Amino acid sequence: MLEAVSELPPARPVRESISEYSEIALPNDANPLGHLLGGRVMHLVDMAGALAASRHSRRPVVTVAVDHMTFLSPVHIGQLLILRSSVNRAFRTSMEVGVKVMVEDLRTGEVRHTSSAYLTFVALDDEGRPTPVPPVIPETPEQRRRFEEAGERRRYRLQLRERLRAKP
């Protein structure tokens, strides 16, 4: 018996997934140099990405991949982290989310870009199985560029997965 193919939910514009998450870098998350631990930044990136994916899909989501993460400069204790995320592109049950981490020095007002990442999330149904997500509607030139680049990154991810499966 053939399983029924689930229809995709109606498409949603990128702007509906845009999320912002902020947190002060606290001493309990510092390394010996007085900088925020990279693992803590990664945790916050995952949280910010999940917010955007959940807003887009309106479903619970799980992280399935972190394709790329850059650390451009350290985050000092006492600074404000501002994480901005949005869905770049949706596939059948998965979504690529871009997260940009900014840091603000609350004493001087200086804001700088400190990290960026691309993550893939899968939406889950009520039984915890992957479920279709709405297609993405990019509305600006920047969103269209990110949409196209997400397709290229997905092709690379799938090729890499096939190569890894083929290894003995």
C-alpha atoms as a PDB file:
ATOM      1  CA  MET A   1       0.000   0.000   0.000  1.00  0.00           C
ATOM      2  CA  LEU A   2       1.366   3.424  -0.945  1.00  0.00           C
ATOM      3  CA  GLU A   3       1.719   6.032   1.732  1.00  0.00           C
ATOM      4  CA  ALA A   4      -0.164   9.278   1.100  1.00  0.00           C
ATOM      5  CA  VAL A   5       2.116  12.154   0.138  1.00  0.00           C
ATOM      6  CA  SER A   6       1.693  15.094   2.477  1.00  0.00           C
ATOM      7  CA  GLU A   7       0.983  18.396   0.799  1.00  0.00           C
ATOM      8  CA  LEU A   8       3.223  21.314   1.601  1.00  0.00           C
ATOM      9  CA  PRO A   9       1.752  24.026   3.811  1.00  0.00           C
ATOM     10  CA  PRO A  10       1.248  27.459   2.165  1.00  0.00           C
ATOM     11  CA  ALA A  11       4.460  29.390   1.487  1.00  0.00           C
ATOM     12  CA  ARG A  12       5.609  32.026   3.981  1.00  0.00           C
ATOM     13  CA  PRO A  13       7.867  35.052   3.462  1.00  0.00           C
ATOM     14  CA  VAL A  14      11.276  35.140   5.127  1.00  0.00           C
ATOM     15  CA  ARG A  15      10.144  38.101   7.270  1.00  0.00           C
ATOM     16  CA  GLU A  16       7.809  35.809   9.231  1.00  0.00           C
ATOM     17  CA  SER A  17      10.773  33.762  10.470  1.00  0.00           C
ATOM     18  CA  ILE A  18      13.076  36.643  11.442  1.00  0.00           C
ATOM     19  CA  SER A  19      14.002  36.299  15.105  1.00  0.00           C
ATOM     20  CA  GLU A  20      16.270  38.065  17.552  1.00  0.00           C
ATOM     21  CA  TYR A  21      17.698  36.606  20.735  1.00  0.00           C
ATOM     22  CA  SER A  22      19.797  38.599  23.217  1.00  0.00           C
ATOM     23  CA  GLU A  23      21.846  37.671  26.249  1.00  0.00           C
ATOM     24  CA  ILE A  24      24.544  39.222  28.445  1.00  0.00           C
ATOM     25  CA  ALA A  25      27.867  37.323  28.524  1.00  0.00           C
ATOM     26  CA  LEU A  26      28.227  36.266  32.174  1.00  0.00           C
ATOM     27  CA  PRO A  27      31.325  35.188  34.134  1.00  0.00           C
ATOM     28  CA  ASN A  28      30.158  31.584  34.615  1.00  0.00           C
ATOM     29  CA  ASP A  29      30.469  31.105  30.819  1.00  0.00           C
ATOM     30  CA  ALA A  30      34.005  32.532  30.550  1.00  0.00           C
ATOM     31  CA  ASN A  31      37.242  30.853  29.562  1.00  0.00           C
ATOM     32  CA  PRO A  32      40.511  31.683  31.427  1.00  0.00           C
ATOM     33  CA  LEU A  33      41.051  34.688  29.102  1.00  0.00           C
ATOM     34  CA  GLY A  34      37.772  36.301  30.171  1.00  0.00           C
ATOM     35  CA  HIS A  35      36.046  35.596  26.861  1.00  0.00           C
ATOM     36  CA  LEU A  36      32.749  33.814  26.342  1.00  0.00           C
ATOM     37  CA  LEU A  37      33.254  30.108  25.659  1.00  0.00           C
ATOM     38  CA  GLY A  38      32.846  29.173  21.993  1.00  0.00           C
ATOM     39  CA  GLY A  39      30.554  26.330  23.044  1.00  0.00           C
ATOM     40  CA  ARG A  40      28.251  28.833  24.756  1.00  0.00           C
ATOM     41  CA  VAL A  41      28.122  30.909  21.571  1.00  0.00           C
ATOM     42  CA  MET A  42      27.291  27.735  19.624  1.00  0.00           C
ATOM     43  CA  HIS A  43      24.477  26.926  22.078  1.00  0.00           C
ATOM     44  CA  LEU A  44      23.010  30.410  21.660  1.00  0.00           C
ATOM     45  CA  VAL A  45      23.305  30.131  17.856  1.00  0.00           C
ATOM     46  CA  ASP A  46      21.375  26.846  18.013  1.00  0.00           C
ATOM     47  CA  MET A  47      18.658  28.474  20.141  1.00  0.00           C
ATOM     48  CA  ALA A  48      18.367  31.480  17.809  1.00  0.00           C
ATOM     49  CA  GLY A  49      18.232  29.197  14.773  1.00  0.00           C
ATOM     50  CA  ALA A  50      15.531  27.043  16.351  1.00  0.00           C
ATOM     51  CA  LEU A  51      13.433  30.168  16.997  1.00  0.00           C
ATOM     52  CA  ALA A  52      13.474  31.106  13.298  1.00  0.00           C
ATOM     53  CA  ALA A  53      12.795  27.519  12.163  1.00  0.00           C
ATOM     54  CA  SER A  54       9.898  27.140  14.609  1.00  0.00           C
ATOM     55  CA  ARG A  55       8.394  30.478  13.571  1.00  0.00           C
ATOM     56  CA  HIS A  56       8.547  29.443   9.925  1.00  0.00           C
ATOM     57  CA  SER A  57       7.247  25.892  10.322  1.00  0.00           C
ATOM     58  CA  ARG A  58       4.967  26.452  13.339  1.00  0.00           C
ATOM     59  CA  ARG A  59       6.170  23.045  14.504  1.00  0.00           C
ATOM     60  CA  PRO A  60       8.746  21.674  16.963  1.00  0.00           C
ATOM     61  CA  VAL A  61      12.156  21.454  15.278  1.00  0.00           C
ATOM     62  CA  VAL A  62      15.409  19.575  15.790  1.00  0.00           C
ATOM     63  CA  THR A  63      18.902  20.528  14.675  1.00  0.00           C
ATOM     64  CA  VAL A  64      20.289  18.102  12.093  1.00  0.00           C
ATOM     65  CA  ALA A  65      23.392  19.957  10.903  1.00  0.00           C
ATOM     66  CA  VAL A  66      25.649  22.904  11.549  1.00  0.00           C
ATOM     67  CA  ASP A  67      27.344  23.493   8.216  1.00  0.00           C
ATOM     68  CA  HIS A  68      29.470  26.454   8.940  1.00  0.00           C
ATOM     69  CA  MET A  69      30.413  28.461  11.985  1.00  0.00           C
ATOM     70  CA  THR A  70      32.858  31.340  12.100  1.00  0.00           C
ATOM     71  CA  PHE A  71      34.329  33.075  15.132  1.00  0.00           C
ATOM     72  CA  LEU A  72      35.563  36.466  13.965  1.00  0.00           C
ATOM     73  CA  SER A  73      36.407  38.020  17.331  1.00  0.00           C
ATOM     74  CA  PRO A  74      35.999  37.196  21.028  1.00  0.00           C
ATOM     75  CA  VAL A  75      33.029  38.138  23.164  1.00  0.00           C
ATOM     76  CA  HIS A  76      34.068  39.725  26.460  1.00  0.00           C
ATOM     77  CA  ILE A  77      32.212  39.145  29.704  1.00  0.00           C
ATOM     78  CA  GLY A  78      29.623  41.871  30.302  1.00  0.00           C
ATOM     79  CA  GLN A  79      28.936  42.450  26.608  1.00  0.00           C
ATOM     80  CA  LEU A  80      25.510  41.991  25.053  1.00  0.00           C
ATOM     81  CA  LEU A  81      25.157  39.282  22.423  1.00  0.00           C
ATOM     82  CA  ILE A  82      22.488  39.901  19.798  1.00  0.00           C
ATOM     83  CA  LEU A  83      21.689  36.917  17.598  1.00  0.00           C
ATOM     84  CA  ARG A  84      19.623  37.506  14.449  1.00  0.00           C
ATOM     85  CA  SER A  85      18.232  34.541  12.558  1.00  0.00           C
ATOM     86  CA  SER A  86      15.958  33.782   9.629  1.00  0.00           C
ATOM     87  CA  VAL A  87      15.084  30.858   7.388  1.00  0.00           C
ATOM     88  CA  ASN A  88      17.077  31.103   4.159  1.00  0.00           C
ATOM     89  CA  ARG A  89      15.281  28.293   2.358  1.00  0.00           C
ATOM     90  CA  ALA A  90      12.931  25.420   3.078  1.00  0.00           C
ATOM     91  CA  PHE A  91      13.056  22.045   1.421  1.00  0.00           C
ATOM     92  CA  ARG A  92      10.501  19.287   2.043  1.00  0.00           C
ATOM     93  CA  THR A  93      10.906  18.769   5.810  1.00  0.00           C
ATOM     94  CA  SER A  94      14.116  20.693   6.421  1.00  0.00           C
ATOM     95  CA  MET A  95      15.055  24.366   6.589  1.00  0.00           C
ATOM     96  CA  GLU A  96      18.384  26.151   6.359  1.00  0.00           C
ATOM     97  CA  VAL A  97      18.656  28.968   8.885  1.00  0.00           C
ATOM     98  CA  GLY A  98      21.300  31.688   8.917  1.00  0.00           C
ATOM     99  CA  VAL A  99      22.361  33.156  12.251  1.00  0.00           C
ATOM    100  CA  LYS A 100      24.448  36.298  12.653  1.00  0.00           C
ATOM    101  CA  VAL A 101      25.918  37.108  16.067  1.00  0.00           C
ATOM    102  CA  MET A 102      26.580  40.722  16.952  1.00  0.00           C
ATOM    103  CA  VAL A 103      28.095  41.934  20.195  1.00  0.00           C
ATOM    104  CA  GLU A 104      27.459  45.302  21.803  1.00  0.00           C
ATOM    105  CA  ASP A 105      29.750  46.903  24.340  1.00  0.00           C
ATOM    106  CA  LEU A 106      27.194  48.403  26.715  1.00  0.00           C
ATOM    107  CA  ARG A 107      29.672  50.999  28.014  1.00  0.00           C
ATOM    108  CA  THR A 108      30.683  52.431  24.634  1.00  0.00           C
ATOM    109  CA  GLY A 109      27.762  51.433  22.399  1.00  0.00           C
ATOM    110  CA  GLU A 110      30.176  49.847  19.894  1.00  0.00           C
ATOM    111  CA  VAL A 111      28.532  47.011  17.929  1.00  0.00           C
ATOM    112  CA  ARG A 112      30.495  44.447  15.943  1.00  0.00           C
ATOM    113  CA  HIS A 113      29.871  41.227  14.061  1.00  0.00           C
ATOM    114  CA  THR A 114      31.474  38.358  15.974  1.00  0.00           C
ATOM    115  CA  SER A 115      30.115  35.089  14.532  1.00  0.00           C
ATOM    116  CA  SER A 116      27.973  33.606  11.781  1.00  0.00           C
ATOM    117  CA  ALA A 117      26.542  30.149  11.186  1.00  0.00           C
ATOM    118  CA  TYR A 118      24.291  28.093   8.915  1.00  0.00           C
ATOM    119  CA  LEU A 119      22.192  25.373  10.508  1.00  0.00           C
ATOM    120  CA  THR A 120      19.688  22.857   9.198  1.00  0.00           C
ATOM    121  CA  PHE A 121      16.548  22.043  11.164  1.00  0.00           C
ATOM    122  CA  VAL A 122      13.824  19.470  10.538  1.00  0.00           C
ATOM    123  CA  ALA A 123      10.215  20.069  11.603  1.00  0.00           C
ATOM    124  CA  LEU A 124       8.452  17.300  13.519  1.00  0.00           C
ATOM    125  CA  ASP A 125       4.820  16.212  13.581  1.00  0.00           C
ATOM    126  CA  ASP A 126       2.908  15.258  16.730  1.00  0.00           C
ATOM    127  CA  GLU A 127       4.462  11.771  16.679  1.00  0.00           C
ATOM    128  CA  GLY A 128       8.001  13.131  16.377  1.00  0.00           C
ATOM    129  CA  ARG A 129       8.422  12.290  12.675  1.00  0.00           C
ATOM    130  CA  PRO A 130       9.687  14.702  10.004  1.00  0.00           C
ATOM    131  CA  THR A 131       6.816  16.691   8.515  1.00  0.00           C
ATOM    132  CA  PRO A 132       6.550  19.020   5.491  1.00  0.00           C
ATOM    133  CA  VAL A 133       7.337  22.686   5.991  1.00  0.00           C
ATOM    134  CA  PRO A 134       6.099  25.739   4.084  1.00  0.00           C
ATOM    135  CA  PRO A 135       8.229  26.919   1.157  1.00  0.00           C
ATOM    136  CA  VAL A 136      10.072  30.212   1.688  1.00  0.00           C
ATOM    137  CA  ILE A 137       9.258  33.392  -0.216  1.00  0.00           C
ATOM    138  CA  PRO A 138      12.370  35.592  -0.453  1.00  0.00           C
ATOM    139  CA  GLU A 139      11.324  39.238  -0.898  1.00  0.00           C
ATOM    140  CA  THR A 140      14.544  41.276  -0.997  1.00  0.00           C
ATOM    141  CA  PRO A 141      17.701  40.952  -3.116  1.00  0.00           C
ATOM    142  CA  GLU A 142      19.616  39.811   0.005  1.00  0.00           C
ATOM    143  CA  GLN A 143      16.970  37.181   0.804  1.00  0.00           C
ATOM    144  CA  ARG A 144      17.032  35.946  -2.824  1.00  0.00           C
ATOM    145  CA  ARG A 145      20.843  35.652  -2.693  1.00  0.00           C
ATOM    146  CA  ARG A 146      20.667  33.692   0.562  1.00  0.00           C
ATOM    147  CA  PHE A 147      17.891  31.504  -0.902  1.00  0.00           C
ATOM    148  CA  GLU A 148      20.062  30.592  -3.922  1.00  0.00           C
ATOM    149  CA  GLU A 149      23.176  30.012  -1.829  1.00  0.00           C
ATOM    150  CA  ALA A 150      21.187  27.745   0.525  1.00  0.00           C
ATOM    151  CA  GLY A 151      20.393  25.507  -2.446  1.00  0.00           C
ATOM    152  CA  GLU A 152      24.107  25.267  -3.281  1.00  0.00           C
ATOM    153  CA  ARG A 153      24.971  24.409   0.332  1.00  0.00           C
ATOM    154  CA  ARG A 154      22.265  21.733   0.375  1.00  0.00           C
ATOM    155  CA  ARG A 155      23.649  20.098  -2.775  1.00  0.00           C
ATOM    156  CA  TYR A 156      27.069  20.021  -1.128  1.00  0.00           C
ATOM    157  CA  ARG A 157      25.642  18.547   2.128  1.00  0.00           C
ATOM    158  CA  LEU A 158      23.844  15.793   0.216  1.00  0.00           C
ATOM    159  CA  GLN A 159      26.958  14.949  -1.818  1.00  0.00           C
ATOM    160  CA  LEU A 160      29.028  14.796   1.363  1.00  0.00           C
ATOM    161  CA  ARG A 161      26.449  12.545   3.035  1.00  0.00           C
ATOM    162  CA  GLU A 162      26.549  10.153   0.073  1.00  0.00           C
ATOM    163  CA  ARG A 163      30.361  10.044   0.126  1.00  0.00           C
ATOM    164  CA  LEU A 164      30.367   9.311   3.858  1.00  0.00           C
ATOM    165  CA  ARG A 165      27.798   6.533   3.448  1.00  0.00           C
ATOM    166  CA  ALA A 166      29.854   4.949   0.668  1.00  0.00           C
ATOM    167  CA  LYS A 167      32.976   4.660   2.846  1.00  0.00           C
ATOM    168  CA  PRO A 168      33.580   1.206   4.393  1.00  0.00           C
END
